[in-house]
Amino acid sequence: LSKAQLGRLLGGARAVKGAIGSRDSAILQVLAYTGLRRDELVHLTTTDYDTECGELRVRAGKGRRQRFVPVPKRVQTVLNRWLKWLEDGAGPLFCQIRRGGGVTRKALAGTTIYTLVKRYAKEAGIRHCTPHDLRRTFITHQLVRGVDINTVRRYAGHSDINTTTLYDYRG
């Protein structure tokens, strides 16, 4: 996604009030600015987010490899806002919300993340966008910023640097 498309996508969730807007905004920003896979995202717990260090521990990565991913300050702000909606600290980081707006402690499914991204993309006028497109966007934007490809490989959880090059959409 271009920066403009990403801005429209994220803006759609920010415009939603209450717990749903807070959660959805946090989900979209984590996907876009950390490069997590949707399955990794749904397996995060509140204890996987270190608010002091500003990083996420990904325990359910591909190949059962654990890694730590830095969380940019702007995403930390959104995540911290979402955490205020969670009454007790233990459990899934991203959970279901009842129709009345009450937050449950039931984890979201990967299909829910897929549907959520598709819905906000459609509202933003983006014809095709999936959670994996946000992963590609993250990797490409990191490389555009001049981040070393090996560092990006580690953030993305790739064991082989050649896999990371497949996500490079520069030019």
N, C-alpha and C. Protein backbone atom coordinates (compact mmCIF):
# COMPACT_ATOMS: atom_id res chain seq x y z
N LEU A 1 0.83 -1.19 0.00
CA LEU A 1 0.00 0.00 0.00
C LEU A 1 0.88 1.25 0.00
N SER A 2 0.39 2.28 -0.64
CA SER A 2 1.09 3.56 -0.57
C SER A 2 0.83 4.18 0.80
N LYS A 3 1.60 5.21 1.12
CA LYS A 3 1.38 5.90 2.40
C LYS A 3 -0.02 6.49 2.47
N ALA A 4 -0.52 7.01 1.34
CA ALA A 4 -1.87 7.59 1.30
C ALA A 4 -2.93 6.53 1.56
N GLN A 5 -2.78 5.36 0.91
CA GLN A 5 -3.73 4.27 1.13
C GLN A 5 -3.70 3.81 2.58
N LEU A 6 -2.51 3.66 3.11
CA LEU A 6 -2.37 3.23 4.50
C LEU A 6 -3.01 4.24 5.44
N GLY A 7 -2.83 5.51 5.16
CA GLY A 7 -3.45 6.56 5.97
C GLY A 7 -4.96 6.49 5.95
N ARG A 8 -5.54 6.24 4.77
CA ARG A 8 -7.00 6.12 4.66
C ARG A 8 -7.50 4.88 5.42
N LEU A 9 -6.77 3.79 5.29
CA LEU A 9 -7.15 2.54 5.96
C LEU A 9 -7.17 2.74 7.48
N LEU A 10 -6.09 3.30 8.01
CA LEU A 10 -5.99 3.50 9.46
C LEU A 10 -6.98 4.56 9.94
N GLY A 11 -7.25 5.55 9.12
CA GLY A 11 -8.19 6.60 9.48
C GLY A 11 -9.61 6.09 9.65
N GLY A 12 -9.97 5.07 8.90
CA GLY A 12 -11.31 4.49 9.02
C GLY A 12 -11.56 3.92 10.40
N ALA A 13 -10.59 3.25 10.96
CA ALA A 13 -10.74 2.67 12.30
C ALA A 13 -10.71 3.75 13.37
N ARG A 14 -9.87 4.77 13.16
CA ARG A 14 -9.80 5.87 14.15
C ARG A 14 -11.12 6.61 14.26
N ALA A 15 -11.89 6.60 13.18
CA ALA A 15 -13.16 7.33 13.18
C ALA A 15 -14.26 6.60 13.95
N VAL A 16 -14.06 5.32 14.23
CA VAL A 16 -15.06 4.53 14.96
C VAL A 16 -14.93 4.78 16.45
N LYS A 17 -16.04 5.04 17.11
CA LYS A 17 -16.03 5.35 18.54
C LYS A 17 -16.03 4.07 19.39
N GLY A 18 -15.64 4.21 20.63
CA GLY A 18 -15.76 3.15 21.62
C GLY A 18 -14.71 2.07 21.51
N ALA A 19 -15.04 0.94 22.14
CA ALA A 19 -14.10 -0.18 22.22
C ALA A 19 -13.76 -0.75 20.85
N ILE A 20 -14.75 -0.82 19.97
CA ILE A 20 -14.50 -1.40 18.64
C ILE A 20 -13.48 -0.56 17.87
N GLY A 21 -13.66 0.74 17.88
CA GLY A 21 -12.71 1.61 17.19
C GLY A 21 -11.32 1.52 17.79
N SER A 22 -11.25 1.46 19.11
CA SER A 22 -9.96 1.37 19.79
C SER A 22 -9.26 0.05 19.45
N ARG A 23 -10.00 -1.04 19.50
CA ARG A 23 -9.43 -2.35 19.18
C ARG A 23 -9.02 -2.44 17.71
N ASP A 24 -9.92 -2.05 16.83
CA ASP A 24 -9.64 -2.16 15.40
C ASP A 24 -8.46 -1.28 14.99
N SER A 25 -8.39 -0.10 15.55
CA SER A 25 -7.27 0.79 15.27
C SER A 25 -5.95 0.15 15.72
N ALA A 26 -5.97 -0.45 16.91
CA ALA A 26 -4.77 -1.12 17.42
C ALA A 26 -4.39 -2.31 16.53
N ILE A 27 -5.36 -3.07 16.11
CA ILE A 27 -5.09 -4.23 15.25
C ILE A 27 -4.46 -3.79 13.93
N LEU A 28 -5.08 -2.81 13.28
CA LEU A 28 -4.56 -2.36 11.99
C LEU A 28 -3.16 -1.77 12.11
N GLN A 29 -2.94 -1.01 13.18
CA GLN A 29 -1.62 -0.41 13.34
C GLN A 29 -0.56 -1.45 13.68
N VAL A 30 -0.90 -2.43 14.48
CA VAL A 30 0.07 -3.49 14.79
C VAL A 30 0.42 -4.25 13.50
N LEU A 31 -0.57 -4.58 12.70
CA LEU A 31 -0.30 -5.27 11.44
C LEU A 31 0.57 -4.43 10.51
N ALA A 32 0.23 -3.15 10.40
CA ALA A 32 0.91 -2.27 9.44
C ALA A 32 2.31 -1.86 9.88
N TYR A 33 2.54 -1.74 11.18
CA TYR A 33 3.82 -1.20 11.66
C TYR A 33 4.72 -2.20 12.38
N THR A 34 4.28 -3.46 12.45
CA THR A 34 5.16 -4.49 13.01
C THR A 34 5.37 -5.65 12.05
N GLY A 35 4.50 -5.78 11.06
CA GLY A 35 4.65 -6.85 10.07
C GLY A 35 4.24 -8.22 10.55
N LEU A 36 3.47 -8.29 11.63
CA LEU A 36 3.03 -9.59 12.14
C LEU A 36 2.08 -10.26 11.16
N ARG A 37 2.13 -11.58 11.15
CA ARG A 37 1.14 -12.37 10.42
C ARG A 37 -0.16 -12.34 11.24
N ARG A 38 -1.29 -12.52 10.58
CA ARG A 38 -2.56 -12.46 11.31
C ARG A 38 -2.66 -13.55 12.37
N ASP A 39 -2.11 -14.72 12.09
CA ASP A 39 -2.14 -15.80 13.07
C ASP A 39 -1.29 -15.46 14.29
N GLU A 40 -0.18 -14.77 14.07
CA GLU A 40 0.66 -14.34 15.18
C GLU A 40 -0.09 -13.31 16.02
N LEU A 41 -0.81 -12.43 15.36
CA LEU A 41 -1.56 -11.38 16.05
C LEU A 41 -2.64 -11.96 16.97
N VAL A 42 -3.40 -12.93 16.48
CA VAL A 42 -4.49 -13.48 17.29
C VAL A 42 -3.99 -14.30 18.47
N HIS A 43 -2.74 -14.74 18.42
CA HIS A 43 -2.19 -15.51 19.54
C HIS A 43 -1.47 -14.66 20.58
N LEU A 44 -1.39 -13.35 20.35
CA LEU A 44 -0.76 -12.48 21.34
C LEU A 44 -1.61 -12.41 22.60
N THR A 45 -0.94 -12.37 23.75
CA THR A 45 -1.64 -12.14 25.01
C THR A 45 -1.17 -10.80 25.57
N THR A 46 -1.87 -10.34 26.59
CA THR A 46 -1.48 -9.06 27.19
C THR A 46 -0.07 -9.12 27.76
N THR A 47 0.37 -10.29 28.18
CA THR A 47 1.73 -10.40 28.73
C THR A 47 2.80 -10.41 27.64
N ASP A 48 2.39 -10.56 26.38
CA ASP A 48 3.34 -10.52 25.27
C ASP A 48 3.71 -9.09 24.89
N TYR A 49 2.97 -8.13 25.39
CA TYR A 49 3.25 -6.73 25.09
C TYR A 49 3.98 -6.11 26.27
N ASP A 50 5.23 -5.78 26.09
CA ASP A 50 6.04 -5.15 27.13
C ASP A 50 5.94 -3.65 26.96
N THR A 51 5.15 -3.02 27.81
CA THR A 51 4.91 -1.58 27.69
C THR A 51 6.16 -0.77 28.03
N GLU A 52 7.03 -1.31 28.87
CA GLU A 52 8.25 -0.57 29.24
C GLU A 52 9.28 -0.60 28.12
N CYS A 53 9.48 -1.75 27.50
CA CYS A 53 10.46 -1.87 26.41
C CYS A 53 9.87 -1.46 25.06
N GLY A 54 8.54 -1.48 24.97
CA GLY A 54 7.90 -1.15 23.71
C GLY A 54 8.11 -2.21 22.65
N GLU A 55 7.89 -3.47 23.05
CA GLU A 55 8.03 -4.54 22.07
C GLU A 55 7.02 -5.65 22.32
N LEU A 56 6.77 -6.41 21.27
CA LEU A 56 5.88 -7.55 21.33
C LEU A 56 6.70 -8.83 21.26
N ARG A 57 6.34 -9.78 22.10
CA ARG A 57 6.96 -11.10 22.04
C ARG A 57 6.03 -11.98 21.21
N VAL A 58 6.52 -12.46 20.10
CA VAL A 58 5.74 -13.34 19.23
C VAL A 58 6.14 -14.77 19.56
N ARG A 59 5.25 -15.46 20.25
CA ARG A 59 5.54 -16.84 20.67
C ARG A 59 5.04 -17.85 19.65
N ALA A 60 4.00 -17.49 18.92
CA ALA A 60 3.37 -18.42 17.98
C ALA A 60 3.78 -18.10 16.55
N GLY A 61 5.08 -17.86 16.33
CA GLY A 61 5.58 -17.55 15.00
C GLY A 61 5.66 -18.80 14.14
N LYS A 62 5.84 -18.57 12.85
CA LYS A 62 5.97 -19.68 11.92
C LYS A 62 7.18 -20.52 12.31
N GLY A 63 7.04 -21.83 12.26
CA GLY A 63 8.13 -22.72 12.63
C GLY A 63 8.37 -22.74 14.13
N ARG A 64 7.40 -22.25 14.90
CA ARG A 64 7.47 -22.22 16.37
C ARG A 64 8.68 -21.43 16.89
N ARG A 65 9.12 -20.47 16.09
CA ARG A 65 10.24 -19.63 16.52
C ARG A 65 9.70 -18.41 17.25
N GLN A 66 10.29 -18.12 18.38
CA GLN A 66 9.92 -16.94 19.15
C GLN A 66 10.79 -15.77 18.70
N ARG A 67 10.19 -14.57 18.67
CA ARG A 67 10.96 -13.37 18.34
C ARG A 67 10.37 -12.17 19.05
N PHE A 68 11.15 -11.11 19.13
CA PHE A 68 10.70 -9.86 19.73
C PHE A 68 10.67 -8.81 18.63
N VAL A 69 9.56 -8.09 18.56
CA VAL A 69 9.35 -7.09 17.52
C VAL A 69 9.14 -5.73 18.17
N PRO A 70 9.93 -4.72 17.76
CA PRO A 70 9.74 -3.39 18.34
C PRO A 70 8.42 -2.79 17.88
N VAL A 71 7.80 -2.04 18.79
CA VAL A 71 6.53 -1.37 18.50
C VAL A 71 6.79 0.13 18.45
N PRO A 72 6.56 0.77 17.29
CA PRO A 72 6.78 2.22 17.20
C PRO A 72 5.93 2.98 18.23
N LYS A 73 6.42 4.15 18.63
CA LYS A 73 5.74 4.96 19.66
C LYS A 73 4.27 5.20 19.32
N ARG A 74 3.96 5.55 18.06
CA ARG A 74 2.57 5.84 17.69
C ARG A 74 1.67 4.63 17.89
N VAL A 75 2.23 3.43 17.67
CA VAL A 75 1.45 2.20 17.87
C VAL A 75 1.33 1.90 19.36
N GLN A 76 2.37 2.19 20.12
CA GLN A 76 2.30 2.01 21.57
C GLN A 76 1.16 2.84 22.15
N THR A 77 1.01 4.07 21.67
CA THR A 77 -0.07 4.95 22.15
C THR A 77 -1.43 4.32 21.89
N VAL A 78 -1.62 3.79 20.70
CA VAL A 78 -2.89 3.16 20.33
C VAL A 78 -3.11 1.88 21.13
N LEU A 79 -2.06 1.08 21.28
CA LEU A 79 -2.17 -0.16 22.07
C LEU A 79 -2.51 0.14 23.53
N ASN A 80 -1.86 1.14 24.09
CA ASN A 80 -2.13 1.50 25.48
C ASN A 80 -3.56 1.98 25.66
N ARG A 81 -4.08 2.69 24.67
CA ARG A 81 -5.49 3.13 24.71
C ARG A 81 -6.42 1.92 24.69
N TRP A 82 -6.09 0.93 23.86
CA TRP A 82 -6.89 -0.30 23.80
C TRP A 82 -6.82 -1.06 25.12
N LEU A 83 -5.65 -1.13 25.73
CA LEU A 83 -5.49 -1.87 26.99
C LEU A 83 -6.40 -1.33 28.09
N LYS A 84 -6.72 -0.06 28.04
CA LYS A 84 -7.62 0.53 29.04
C LYS A 84 -9.02 -0.07 28.98
N TRP A 85 -9.40 -0.61 27.82
CA TRP A 85 -10.71 -1.25 27.69
C TRP A 85 -10.74 -2.64 28.31
N LEU A 86 -9.58 -3.24 28.51
CA LEU A 86 -9.52 -4.58 29.08
C LEU A 86 -9.55 -4.46 30.60
N GLU A 87 -10.56 -5.02 31.20
CA GLU A 87 -10.74 -4.85 32.64
C GLU A 87 -9.67 -5.54 33.46
N ASP A 88 -9.37 -6.78 33.15
CA ASP A 88 -8.30 -7.43 33.89
C ASP A 88 -7.18 -7.71 32.90
N GLY A 89 -5.97 -7.69 33.36
CA GLY A 89 -4.82 -7.71 32.47
C GLY A 89 -4.50 -9.03 31.80
N ALA A 90 -5.04 -10.14 32.27
CA ALA A 90 -4.66 -11.44 31.72
C ALA A 90 -5.56 -11.84 30.56
N GLY A 91 -4.97 -12.51 29.57
CA GLY A 91 -5.77 -13.02 28.47
C GLY A 91 -5.29 -12.54 27.12
N PRO A 92 -6.11 -12.79 26.09
CA PRO A 92 -5.71 -12.40 24.73
C PRO A 92 -5.58 -10.88 24.62
N LEU A 93 -4.64 -10.44 23.81
CA LEU A 93 -4.46 -9.01 23.62
C LEU A 93 -5.61 -8.42 22.80
N PHE A 94 -6.08 -9.17 21.83
CA PHE A 94 -7.20 -8.70 21.01
C PHE A 94 -8.37 -9.67 21.15
N CYS A 95 -9.50 -9.13 21.62
CA CYS A 95 -10.63 -10.00 21.92
C CYS A 95 -11.93 -9.49 21.30
N GLN A 96 -12.91 -10.35 21.41
CA GLN A 96 -14.23 -10.05 20.87
C GLN A 96 -14.93 -8.98 21.70
N ILE A 97 -15.85 -8.28 21.04
CA ILE A 97 -16.64 -7.25 21.71
C ILE A 97 -18.11 -7.57 21.46
N ARG A 98 -18.90 -7.57 22.53
CA ARG A 98 -20.33 -7.86 22.41
C ARG A 98 -21.05 -6.74 21.66
N ARG A 99 -22.23 -7.03 21.19
CA ARG A 99 -23.03 -6.04 20.45
C ARG A 99 -23.25 -4.77 21.26
N GLY A 100 -23.41 -4.89 22.54
CA GLY A 100 -23.63 -3.73 23.40
C GLY A 100 -22.37 -2.94 23.70
N GLY A 101 -21.22 -3.43 23.22
CA GLY A 101 -19.97 -2.72 23.42
C GLY A 101 -19.10 -3.29 24.52
N GLY A 102 -19.58 -4.31 25.23
CA GLY A 102 -18.79 -4.92 26.29
C GLY A 102 -17.67 -5.78 25.74
N VAL A 103 -16.49 -5.64 26.31
CA VAL A 103 -15.33 -6.40 25.86
C VAL A 103 -15.33 -7.76 26.55
N THR A 104 -15.20 -8.82 25.77
CA THR A 104 -15.09 -10.17 26.32
C THR A 104 -13.62 -10.52 26.47
N ARG A 105 -13.31 -11.67 26.99
CA ARG A 105 -11.92 -12.13 27.06
C ARG A 105 -11.72 -13.31 26.11
N LYS A 106 -12.55 -13.36 25.05
CA LYS A 106 -12.43 -14.40 24.03
C LYS A 106 -11.57 -13.89 22.89
N ALA A 107 -10.55 -14.63 22.53
CA ALA A 107 -9.64 -14.22 21.45
C ALA A 107 -10.36 -14.16 20.11
N LEU A 108 -9.88 -13.29 19.26
CA LEU A 108 -10.40 -13.20 17.90
C LEU A 108 -9.82 -14.34 17.07
N ALA A 109 -10.53 -14.71 16.03
CA ALA A 109 -10.05 -15.72 15.09
C ALA A 109 -9.32 -15.04 13.95
N GLY A 110 -8.46 -15.77 13.28
CA GLY A 110 -7.74 -15.24 12.12
C GLY A 110 -8.69 -14.77 11.03
N THR A 111 -9.80 -15.48 10.86
CA THR A 111 -10.77 -15.07 9.84
C THR A 111 -11.41 -13.72 10.19
N THR A 112 -11.55 -13.45 11.47
CA THR A 112 -12.10 -12.16 11.89
C THR A 112 -11.14 -11.03 11.51
N ILE A 113 -9.85 -11.26 11.68
CA ILE A 113 -8.84 -10.26 11.31
C ILE A 113 -8.90 -10.03 9.80
N TYR A 114 -9.00 -11.10 9.04
CA TYR A 114 -9.08 -10.99 7.58
C TYR A 114 -10.29 -10.14 7.18
N THR A 115 -11.45 -10.45 7.76
CA THR A 115 -12.68 -9.73 7.45
C THR A 115 -12.57 -8.26 7.86
N LEU A 116 -11.99 -8.01 9.01
CA LEU A 116 -11.83 -6.65 9.52
C LEU A 116 -10.97 -5.81 8.55
N VAL A 117 -9.84 -6.35 8.12
CA VAL A 117 -8.97 -5.62 7.19
C VAL A 117 -9.68 -5.37 5.87
N LYS A 118 -10.37 -6.38 5.35
CA LYS A 118 -11.08 -6.23 4.07
C LYS A 118 -12.16 -5.14 4.19
N ARG A 119 -12.87 -5.11 5.31
CA ARG A 119 -13.94 -4.12 5.49
C ARG A 119 -13.39 -2.70 5.52
N TYR A 120 -12.34 -2.47 6.30
CA TYR A 120 -11.76 -1.13 6.38
C TYR A 120 -11.11 -0.73 5.05
N ALA A 121 -10.56 -1.69 4.34
CA ALA A 121 -9.96 -1.40 3.03
C ALA A 121 -11.05 -0.97 2.04
N LYS A 122 -12.15 -1.67 2.05
CA LYS A 122 -13.25 -1.32 1.14
C LYS A 122 -13.76 0.09 1.45
N GLU A 123 -13.94 0.39 2.75
CA GLU A 123 -14.39 1.73 3.16
C GLU A 123 -13.39 2.80 2.75
N ALA A 124 -12.10 2.45 2.69
CA ALA A 124 -11.05 3.40 2.33
C ALA A 124 -10.85 3.50 0.81
N GLY A 125 -11.64 2.74 0.06
CA GLY A 125 -11.53 2.78 -1.40
C GLY A 125 -10.35 2.00 -1.94
N ILE A 126 -9.87 1.04 -1.16
CA ILE A 126 -8.74 0.20 -1.59
C ILE A 126 -9.33 -1.10 -2.11
N ARG A 127 -9.11 -1.36 -3.38
CA ARG A 127 -9.76 -2.50 -4.03
C ARG A 127 -9.34 -3.84 -3.45
N HIS A 128 -8.06 -4.02 -3.23
CA HIS A 128 -7.59 -5.31 -2.71
C HIS A 128 -6.61 -5.08 -1.58
N CYS A 129 -6.94 -5.59 -0.40
CA CYS A 129 -6.05 -5.48 0.74
C CYS A 129 -6.39 -6.56 1.75
N THR A 130 -5.39 -7.35 2.11
CA THR A 130 -5.55 -8.40 3.10
C THR A 130 -4.54 -8.14 4.23
N PRO A 131 -4.64 -8.86 5.34
CA PRO A 131 -3.62 -8.71 6.38
C PRO A 131 -2.20 -8.95 5.85
N HIS A 132 -2.06 -9.86 4.92
CA HIS A 132 -0.72 -10.13 4.38
C HIS A 132 -0.20 -8.96 3.54
N ASP A 133 -1.10 -8.20 2.94
CA ASP A 133 -0.68 -7.00 2.22
C ASP A 133 -0.10 -5.97 3.19
N LEU A 134 -0.62 -5.93 4.40
CA LEU A 134 -0.06 -5.02 5.41
C LEU A 134 1.34 -5.50 5.81
N ARG A 135 1.56 -6.79 5.82
CA ARG A 135 2.89 -7.35 6.10
C ARG A 135 3.87 -6.97 4.99
N ARG A 136 3.43 -7.11 3.74
CA ARG A 136 4.27 -6.70 2.61
C ARG A 136 4.58 -5.21 2.67
N THR A 137 3.57 -4.43 3.03
CA THR A 137 3.74 -2.99 3.13
C THR A 137 4.76 -2.65 4.20
N PHE A 138 4.67 -3.30 5.35
CA PHE A 138 5.63 -3.07 6.44
C PHE A 138 7.06 -3.34 5.96
N ILE A 139 7.27 -4.49 5.35
CA ILE A 139 8.61 -4.87 4.91
C ILE A 139 9.13 -3.89 3.87
N THR A 140 8.31 -3.57 2.88
CA THR A 140 8.73 -2.63 1.84
C THR A 140 9.05 -1.26 2.43
N HIS A 141 8.19 -0.75 3.32
CA HIS A 141 8.42 0.58 3.91
C HIS A 141 9.68 0.59 4.77
N GLN A 142 9.99 -0.52 5.44
CA GLN A 142 11.22 -0.59 6.23
C GLN A 142 12.45 -0.50 5.30
N LEU A 143 12.39 -1.19 4.20
CA LEU A 143 13.50 -1.17 3.25
C LEU A 143 13.64 0.20 2.59
N VAL A 144 12.52 0.84 2.29
CA VAL A 144 12.55 2.20 1.73
C VAL A 144 13.21 3.15 2.72
N ARG A 145 12.94 2.98 4.00
CA ARG A 145 13.54 3.83 5.05
C ARG A 145 15.03 3.56 5.25
N GLY A 146 15.55 2.52 4.60
CA GLY A 146 16.97 2.23 4.71
C GLY A 146 17.33 1.25 5.81
N VAL A 147 16.32 0.58 6.39
CA VAL A 147 16.61 -0.43 7.41
C VAL A 147 17.29 -1.62 6.72
N ASP A 148 18.34 -2.12 7.33
CA ASP A 148 19.11 -3.25 6.82
C ASP A 148 18.19 -4.45 6.59
N ILE A 149 18.33 -5.12 5.45
CA ILE A 149 17.44 -6.24 5.11
C ILE A 149 17.52 -7.37 6.12
N ASN A 150 18.67 -7.58 6.74
CA ASN A 150 18.77 -8.64 7.74
C ASN A 150 17.96 -8.29 8.99
N THR A 151 17.94 -7.01 9.35
CA THR A 151 17.11 -6.56 10.48
C THR A 151 15.64 -6.75 10.15
N VAL A 152 15.26 -6.38 8.95
CA VAL A 152 13.86 -6.55 8.51
C VAL A 152 13.50 -8.04 8.51
N ARG A 153 14.43 -8.88 8.07
CA ARG A 153 14.20 -10.33 8.08
C ARG A 153 13.88 -10.82 9.48
N ARG A 154 14.65 -10.35 10.47
CA ARG A 154 14.41 -10.75 11.86
C ARG A 154 13.04 -10.26 12.34
N TYR A 155 12.70 -9.00 12.06
CA TYR A 155 11.39 -8.46 12.46
C TYR A 155 10.26 -9.29 11.86
N ALA A 156 10.43 -9.69 10.59
CA ALA A 156 9.37 -10.43 9.89
C ALA A 156 9.31 -11.90 10.31
N GLY A 157 10.36 -12.38 10.97
CA GLY A 157 10.37 -13.78 11.40
C GLY A 157 10.74 -14.74 10.29
N HIS A 158 11.45 -14.25 9.29
CA HIS A 158 11.90 -15.12 8.21
C HIS A 158 13.23 -15.76 8.59
N SER A 159 13.36 -17.07 8.36
CA SER A 159 14.63 -17.73 8.63
C SER A 159 15.60 -17.51 7.47
N ASP A 160 15.07 -17.31 6.27
CA ASP A 160 15.89 -17.14 5.08
C ASP A 160 15.71 -15.72 4.53
N ILE A 161 16.80 -15.03 4.32
CA ILE A 161 16.75 -13.65 3.82
C ILE A 161 16.13 -13.57 2.42
N ASN A 162 16.23 -14.66 1.65
CA ASN A 162 15.63 -14.68 0.32
C ASN A 162 14.11 -14.56 0.39
N THR A 163 13.51 -15.06 1.44
CA THR A 163 12.07 -14.90 1.63
C THR A 163 11.73 -13.44 1.81
N THR A 164 12.55 -12.73 2.57
CA THR A 164 12.31 -11.31 2.80
C THR A 164 12.37 -10.53 1.49
N THR A 165 13.28 -10.89 0.61
CA THR A 165 13.39 -10.18 -0.66
C THR A 165 12.12 -10.33 -1.51
N LEU A 166 11.39 -11.41 -1.33
CA LEU A 166 10.13 -11.59 -2.07
C LEU A 166 9.06 -10.57 -1.65
N TYR A 167 9.21 -9.98 -0.48
CA TYR A 167 8.26 -9.00 0.03
C TYR A 167 8.65 -7.56 -0.33
N ASP A 168 9.75 -7.42 -1.02
CA ASP A 168 10.27 -6.10 -1.39
C ASP A 168 9.55 -5.60 -2.64
N TYR A 169 8.66 -4.61 -2.47
CA TYR A 169 7.88 -4.07 -3.57
C TYR A 169 8.37 -2.68 -3.99
N ARG A 170 9.62 -2.35 -3.68
CA ARG A 170 10.16 -1.08 -4.13
C ARG A 170 10.33 -1.12 -5.65
N GLY A 171 9.89 -0.05 -6.29
CA GLY A 171 10.10 0.08 -7.73
C GLY A 171 9.52 -1.07 -8.48
